[in-house]
Amino acid sequence: MNNKDMERKFLLRMKELSAAGGAVYLAMSATLHAMAELPVNPPEGYTRMDFKRAIRVIRECQVAAPDLSEEFEKGAALIRRNWLYREDVKG
């Protein structure tokens, strides 16, 4: 599979997650933005509980893929700091 095919597949999957909404989409979005060090506003239409569920998804991903734990931690920190507005979070 070449890079263009992988990119198309990735974008399609993100579009599906976006349409479905929910914690998995929020977790992926936060982690990707944090990894790329891109600023992102909280997505509209989600509650504090949705953001907390996304952190739970990230924690599950950390267990499943411990080699990416640091990247997932950045996503969780972004959610806490920027979307839940907790000032006591580093990351």
Protein backbone atom coordinates (compact mmCIF):
# COMPACT_ATOMS: atom_id res chain seq x y z
CA MET A 1 0.00 0.00 0.00
CA ASN A 2 1.52 3.34 -0.99
CA ASN A 3 1.37 6.58 1.00
CA LYS A 4 -1.58 8.01 -0.95
CA ASP A 5 -3.64 4.88 -0.30
CA MET A 6 -2.75 4.94 3.39
CA GLU A 7 -3.63 8.61 3.60
CA ARG A 8 -7.00 8.05 1.88
CA LYS A 9 -7.76 5.12 4.17
CA PHE A 10 -6.82 7.15 7.25
CA LEU A 11 -8.91 10.15 6.19
CA LEU A 12 -11.88 7.93 5.39
CA ARG A 13 -11.66 6.31 8.82
CA MET A 14 -11.43 9.71 10.54
CA LYS A 15 -14.45 10.88 8.56
CA GLU A 16 -16.38 7.81 9.72
CA LEU A 17 -15.35 8.45 13.34
CA SER A 18 -16.34 12.09 13.01
CA ALA A 19 -19.76 11.18 11.65
CA ALA A 20 -20.29 8.65 14.43
CA GLY A 21 -19.04 11.13 17.01
CA GLY A 22 -18.29 9.99 20.49
CA ALA A 23 -15.32 9.26 22.65
CA VAL A 24 -13.19 7.44 20.09
CA TYR A 25 -13.32 10.36 17.68
CA LEU A 26 -12.50 12.84 20.44
CA ALA A 27 -9.62 10.68 21.67
CA MET A 28 -8.12 10.33 18.19
CA SER A 29 -8.57 14.00 17.38
CA ALA A 30 -6.97 15.15 20.63
CA THR A 31 -4.06 12.73 20.32
CA LEU A 32 -3.32 13.65 16.71
CA HIS A 33 -3.49 17.39 17.42
CA ALA A 34 -1.25 16.99 20.47
CA MET A 35 1.29 14.90 18.56
CA ALA A 36 1.42 17.48 15.77
CA GLU A 37 1.51 20.29 18.36
CA LEU A 38 -1.42 21.99 16.64
CA PRO A 39 -3.80 24.21 18.59
CA VAL A 40 -7.38 23.03 18.58
CA ASN A 41 -10.54 24.41 20.13
CA PRO A 42 -12.94 22.07 21.89
CA PRO A 43 -15.22 20.41 19.34
CA GLU A 44 -18.74 21.79 19.57
CA GLY A 45 -21.70 19.71 20.63
CA TYR A 46 -19.86 17.56 23.18
CA THR A 47 -20.29 17.51 26.94
CA ARG A 48 -17.75 17.30 29.74
CA MET A 49 -18.71 13.63 30.10
CA ASP A 50 -17.90 13.05 26.41
CA PHE A 51 -14.44 14.50 26.99
CA LYS A 52 -13.98 12.36 30.11
CA ARG A 53 -15.02 9.28 28.11
CA ALA A 54 -12.40 10.20 25.50
CA ILE A 55 -9.75 10.20 28.21
CA ARG A 56 -10.95 6.74 29.24
CA VAL A 57 -10.55 5.59 25.62
CA ILE A 58 -7.02 7.00 25.61
CA ARG A 59 -6.22 5.08 28.79
CA GLU A 60 -7.43 1.86 27.14
CA CYS A 61 -5.23 2.62 24.13
CA GLN A 62 -2.23 3.12 26.40
CA VAL A 63 -2.72 -0.37 27.79
CA ALA A 64 -3.19 -1.87 24.33
CA ALA A 65 -0.22 -0.01 22.80
CA PRO A 66 2.26 0.82 25.58
CA ASP A 67 4.91 1.87 23.05
CA LEU A 68 2.68 4.85 22.16
CA SER A 69 1.84 5.68 25.76
CA GLU A 70 3.64 9.03 25.69
CA GLU A 71 1.73 10.19 22.61
CA PHE A 72 -1.59 9.12 24.12
CA GLU A 73 -0.68 10.96 27.33
CA LYS A 74 -0.30 14.16 25.29
CA GLY A 75 -3.83 13.65 23.94
CA ALA A 76 -5.25 13.17 27.43
CA ALA A 77 -3.41 16.28 28.65
CA LEU A 78 -4.79 18.31 25.73
CA ILE A 79 -8.33 17.26 26.61
CA ARG A 80 -7.87 18.10 30.28
CA ARG A 81 -6.05 21.38 29.70
CA ASN A 82 -7.88 22.79 26.65
CA TRP A 83 -11.26 21.10 26.61
CA LEU A 84 -11.96 20.59 30.32
CA TYR A 85 -9.97 23.71 31.29
CA ARG A 86 -7.95 22.19 34.10
CA GLU A 87 -4.96 24.42 34.76
CA ASP A 88 -3.06 21.86 36.86
CA VAL A 89 -2.20 19.62 33.89
CA LYS A 90 1.24 19.51 32.30
CA GLY A 91 1.90 18.26 28.79
